[in-house]
Amino acid sequence: MSVQRSCRIARLSRAAYYRPPRSRLERDAPVIAALNAVVERHPRHGLWKCVDRLRAKGHPWNWKRIHRVYRALGLNLPRRTKRRIPARLRQSLEAPAVLNSTWALDFMTDTLYGGRQFRTLNVIDEGNREALAIEIAISIPSIRVIRVMEELVAVHGKPAALRVDNGPELTAEAFVEWCRTQEIDIRYIQPGKPDQNAYIERFNRGYRQDDYNSERPHDSLGRVPPLTFLPRPTSTREYSFNLST
């Protein structure tokens, strides 16, 4: 059968018959570029949000073609976005013997006998290494961190700065805004540098001792307990840990 007759039967123009075939990747290149641009700017958008944005920009493709390309790119699969941590300046580990100059915060995780994990939020005053609070709970979001800090400020007064790592609870907008309102400086350590928060890291290793504040000697304090080295004048009682859940 001749090409002319075959094209007539198949209702295909001879120009299309003789045109060299193009790969699907080449044909869909504009769709791929447009979809990648939308997803890069709006990584949480699904298919229909992407379709609406492409139509708003005047692209003529129908949703079926966009859906095919969307699936070919693997955009229908869950996308794990890496949390971006801004660059941090190295903070000098200076701890003058002054109360409420800098408080250090850190989280610890442990497991109950039943296998369930829990967390503790530890807070110390770097001026005398005194443990101000140990908050224990299954979950400690930024709102609970703020509540603990408000209780400590009401008892001990406001610190000039907080030394913390880059955990999501301590970089949350609510926590940052609270510190800004209270005029408390946040000194974030560099990612992967726990030595820049050495005082609280050392506390984490031995805080399970009940006599930490009043009896346990500290080499860095001249081999005396925190409350002997620099007692807190706002109270005459021994400070106990906050073990509320």
Protein backbone atom coordinates (compact mmCIF):
# COMPACT_ATOMS: atom_id res chain seq x y z
CA MET A 1 0.00 0.00 0.00
CA SER A 2 1.36 3.39 -0.94
CA VAL A 3 2.15 6.03 1.69
CA GLN A 4 -0.44 8.37 0.16
CA ARG A 5 -3.23 5.79 0.48
CA SER A 6 -2.14 4.74 3.97
CA CYS A 7 -2.18 8.31 5.22
CA ARG A 8 -5.61 8.83 3.65
CA ILE A 9 -7.02 5.77 5.42
CA ALA A 10 -5.42 6.73 8.75
CA ARG A 11 -6.43 10.37 8.23
CA LEU A 12 -2.82 11.43 8.77
CA SER A 13 -1.19 14.15 6.72
CA ARG A 14 1.84 13.13 4.72
CA ALA A 15 3.76 16.02 6.27
CA ALA A 16 3.20 14.49 9.68
CA TYR A 17 4.21 11.07 8.32
CA TYR A 18 7.53 12.34 7.05
CA ARG A 19 8.20 14.58 10.06
CA PRO A 20 10.93 13.00 12.23
CA PRO A 21 9.54 11.85 15.60
CA ARG A 22 10.44 13.84 18.71
CA SER A 23 11.00 12.32 22.13
CA ARG A 24 8.38 12.90 24.78
CA LEU A 25 10.97 14.63 26.92
CA GLU A 26 11.60 17.13 24.16
CA ARG A 27 7.90 17.69 23.51
CA ASP A 28 7.14 18.20 27.20
CA ALA A 29 10.15 20.41 27.91
CA PRO A 30 8.06 23.62 28.29
CA VAL A 31 5.62 21.85 30.64
CA ILE A 32 8.50 20.44 32.70
CA ALA A 33 10.16 23.83 33.01
CA ALA A 34 6.90 25.55 34.00
CA LEU A 35 6.02 22.86 36.57
CA ASN A 36 9.49 22.92 38.13
CA ALA A 37 9.28 26.69 38.45
CA VAL A 38 5.94 26.45 40.29
CA VAL A 39 7.08 23.64 42.61
CA GLU A 40 10.37 25.36 43.40
CA ARG A 41 8.52 28.46 44.56
CA HIS A 42 5.59 26.62 46.18
CA PRO A 43 6.90 23.19 47.29
CA ARG A 44 3.69 22.25 49.14
CA HIS A 45 1.41 22.70 46.10
CA GLY A 46 -0.41 19.66 44.75
CA LEU A 47 -1.52 18.94 41.21
CA TRP A 48 -4.55 21.19 41.07
CA LYS A 49 -2.77 24.14 42.63
CA CYS A 50 -0.08 23.75 39.98
CA VAL A 51 -2.72 23.51 37.21
CA ASP A 52 -4.44 26.66 38.44
CA ARG A 53 -1.16 28.59 38.57
CA LEU A 54 -0.16 27.49 35.08
CA ARG A 55 -3.55 28.50 33.70
CA ALA A 56 -3.28 31.86 35.45
CA LYS A 57 0.01 32.40 33.63
CA GLY A 58 -1.70 31.74 30.29
CA HIS A 59 -0.27 28.32 29.44
CA PRO A 60 -2.55 26.40 27.00
CA TRP A 61 -1.93 22.84 28.23
CA ASN A 62 -4.90 20.84 29.50
CA TRP A 63 -4.87 19.24 32.92
CA LYS A 64 -4.37 15.70 31.55
CA ARG A 65 -1.07 16.61 29.95
CA ILE A 66 0.04 18.47 33.06
CA HIS A 67 -0.97 15.48 35.19
CA ARG A 68 1.05 13.10 33.00
CA VAL A 69 4.16 15.26 33.28
CA TYR A 70 3.46 15.82 37.00
CA ARG A 71 3.54 12.06 37.62
CA ALA A 72 6.52 11.47 35.33
CA LEU A 73 8.53 13.95 37.42
CA GLY A 74 7.54 12.13 40.61
CA LEU A 75 5.82 15.21 42.01
CA ASN A 76 2.86 13.09 43.11
CA LEU A 77 5.13 11.38 45.67
CA PRO A 78 5.66 12.86 49.18
CA ARG A 79 8.40 15.47 49.03
CA ARG A 80 10.73 15.70 51.98
CA THR A 81 12.07 19.21 52.24
CA LYS A 82 15.23 19.76 54.23
CA ARG A 83 14.89 22.30 56.99
CA ARG A 84 17.10 25.23 56.15
CA ILE A 85 19.17 26.49 59.08
CA PRO A 86 20.58 29.99 58.60
CA ALA A 87 24.29 30.54 58.97
CA ARG A 88 25.20 31.27 62.59
CA LEU A 89 28.12 33.20 63.97
CA ARG A 90 30.32 31.48 66.51
CA GLN A 91 29.33 32.61 70.01
CA SER A 92 32.08 33.07 72.55
CA LEU A 93 31.56 30.85 75.60
CA GLU A 94 31.93 33.59 78.19
CA ALA A 95 30.17 33.16 81.52
CA PRO A 96 30.75 36.09 83.88
CA ALA A 97 29.90 35.42 87.52
CA VAL A 98 26.69 37.44 87.26
CA LEU A 99 23.19 36.08 87.68
CA ASN A 100 20.74 36.38 84.77
CA SER A 101 23.44 37.32 82.28
CA THR A 102 22.95 34.23 80.10
CA TRP A 103 20.65 31.25 80.50
CA ALA A 104 21.35 28.07 78.55
CA LEU A 105 18.56 25.82 77.23
CA ASP A 106 18.74 22.32 75.82
CA PHE A 107 16.56 19.24 75.28
CA MET A 108 17.22 15.65 76.26
CA THR A 109 15.36 12.48 75.27
CA ASP A 110 14.95 9.28 77.26
CA THR A 111 12.74 6.19 77.23
CA LEU A 112 10.35 4.84 79.84
CA TYR A 113 10.28 1.16 80.81
CA GLY A 114 7.25 0.70 78.58
CA GLY A 115 9.20 1.93 75.54
CA ARG A 116 7.56 5.35 75.27
CA GLN A 117 9.92 8.26 74.78
CA PHE A 118 9.79 11.51 76.73
CA ARG A 119 11.72 14.75 76.62
CA THR A 120 13.18 17.13 79.17
CA LEU A 121 13.83 20.83 78.73
CA ASN A 122 16.79 21.83 80.88
CA VAL A 123 17.54 25.44 81.81
CA ILE A 124 20.60 26.65 83.72
CA ASP A 125 22.07 30.01 84.62
CA GLU A 126 25.59 30.14 83.23
CA GLY A 127 26.64 32.66 85.88
CA ASN A 128 26.68 30.04 88.66
CA ARG A 129 25.65 26.87 86.71
CA GLU A 130 22.46 26.70 88.76
CA ALA A 131 19.72 24.49 87.37
CA LEU A 132 16.63 26.67 87.10
CA ALA A 133 14.18 24.15 85.63
CA ILE A 134 13.79 20.67 84.21
CA GLU A 135 10.50 20.44 82.33
CA ILE A 136 9.44 16.86 81.58
CA ALA A 137 6.77 15.86 79.06
CA ILE A 138 6.07 13.61 76.12
CA SER A 139 6.05 16.67 73.86
CA ILE A 140 7.46 20.14 74.51
CA PRO A 141 6.51 22.49 71.67
CA SER A 142 7.56 26.12 71.45
CA ILE A 143 4.40 27.29 73.27
CA ARG A 144 5.34 25.18 76.30
CA VAL A 145 8.91 26.45 76.17
CA ILE A 146 7.54 29.99 76.34
CA ARG A 147 5.37 29.05 79.33
CA VAL A 148 8.37 27.64 81.18
CA MET A 149 10.39 30.75 80.43
CA GLU A 150 7.60 33.03 81.66
CA GLU A 151 7.47 31.11 84.96
CA LEU A 152 11.23 31.41 85.39
CA VAL A 153 11.23 35.11 84.58
CA ALA A 154 8.48 35.67 87.15
CA VAL A 155 10.60 33.93 89.83
CA HIS A 156 14.18 34.86 88.96
CA GLY A 157 13.90 37.93 86.77
CA LYS A 158 14.67 38.33 83.09
CA PRO A 159 17.97 37.13 81.57
CA ALA A 160 19.89 39.29 79.15
CA ALA A 161 20.43 36.43 76.69
CA LEU A 162 19.58 32.80 75.99
CA ARG A 163 22.10 30.32 74.57
CA VAL A 164 20.29 27.67 72.51
CA ASP A 165 20.76 25.29 69.59
CA ASN A 166 18.83 25.32 66.31
CA GLY A 167 16.01 22.95 67.28
CA PRO A 168 12.56 23.63 65.77
CA GLU A 169 11.11 24.59 69.16
CA LEU A 170 13.77 27.27 69.64
CA THR A 171 13.70 28.65 66.11
CA ALA A 172 9.90 28.79 65.96
CA GLU A 173 8.40 32.16 65.19
CA ALA A 174 6.42 32.18 68.46
CA PHE A 175 9.55 31.71 70.57
CA VAL A 176 11.58 34.26 68.59
CA GLU A 177 8.78 36.81 68.85
CA TRP A 178 8.45 36.26 72.60
CA CYS A 179 12.18 36.87 73.09
CA ARG A 180 11.96 39.98 70.94
CA THR A 181 9.06 41.29 73.00
CA GLN A 182 10.94 40.59 76.23
CA GLU A 183 14.13 42.17 74.78
CA ILE A 184 16.06 38.95 75.37
CA ASP A 185 18.92 38.24 72.99
CA ILE A 186 19.00 34.75 71.42
CA ARG A 187 22.49 33.35 70.93
CA TYR A 188 22.16 30.45 68.52
CA ILE A 189 25.13 28.09 68.38
CA GLN A 190 26.42 26.91 65.03
CA PRO A 191 24.81 23.67 63.72
CA GLY A 192 26.73 20.59 64.75
CA LYS A 193 28.76 22.49 67.38
CA PRO A 194 27.41 21.40 70.80
CA ASP A 195 30.69 22.54 72.37
CA GLN A 196 29.47 26.11 71.91
CA ASN A 197 26.81 25.31 74.53
CA ALA A 198 29.23 23.45 76.77
CA TYR A 199 27.76 24.42 80.16
CA ILE A 200 24.34 22.92 79.49
CA GLU A 201 25.92 19.89 77.78
CA ARG A 202 27.98 19.24 80.90
CA PHE A 203 24.86 19.68 83.01
CA ASN A 204 23.00 17.13 80.87
CA ARG A 205 25.58 14.51 81.77
CA GLY A 206 25.07 14.72 85.52
CA TYR A 207 21.80 16.49 86.27
CA ARG A 208 20.08 13.34 87.58
CA GLN A 209 21.77 13.93 90.93
CA ASP A 210 19.28 15.52 93.35
CA ASP A 211 21.97 17.51 95.12
CA TYR A 212 23.19 19.30 91.98
CA ASN A 213 22.45 22.88 93.10
CA SER A 214 23.19 22.73 96.80
CA GLU A 215 25.81 20.03 97.45
CA ARG A 216 27.57 18.78 94.30
CA PRO A 217 30.95 20.58 93.90
CA HIS A 218 31.84 22.01 90.48
CA ASP A 219 35.46 22.20 89.39
CA SER A 220 34.80 25.28 87.26
CA LEU A 221 33.35 27.08 90.31
CA GLY A 222 36.28 26.44 92.61
CA ARG A 223 34.95 23.07 93.77
CA VAL A 224 31.85 24.47 95.44
CA PRO A 225 28.13 24.00 94.60
CA PRO A 226 26.33 26.60 92.45
CA LEU A 227 24.35 28.11 95.32
CA THR A 228 27.50 28.41 97.42
CA PHE A 229 29.48 30.01 94.60
CA LEU A 230 26.83 32.61 93.78
CA PRO A 231 23.60 32.37 95.84
CA ARG A 232 20.43 33.82 94.42
CA PRO A 233 19.24 36.61 96.75
CA THR A 234 15.58 36.38 95.74
CA SER A 235 14.98 33.25 97.82
CA THR A 236 16.40 31.56 100.89
CA ARG A 237 15.10 28.10 100.12
CA GLU A 238 16.90 25.48 98.07
CA TYR A 239 15.73 25.55 94.48
CA SER A 240 14.06 22.34 93.45
CA PHE A 241 13.64 21.15 89.91
CA ASN A 242 10.36 21.67 88.08
CA LEU A 243 9.15 18.13 87.41
CA SER A 244 5.64 19.01 86.27
CA THR A 245 4.33 17.06 83.29
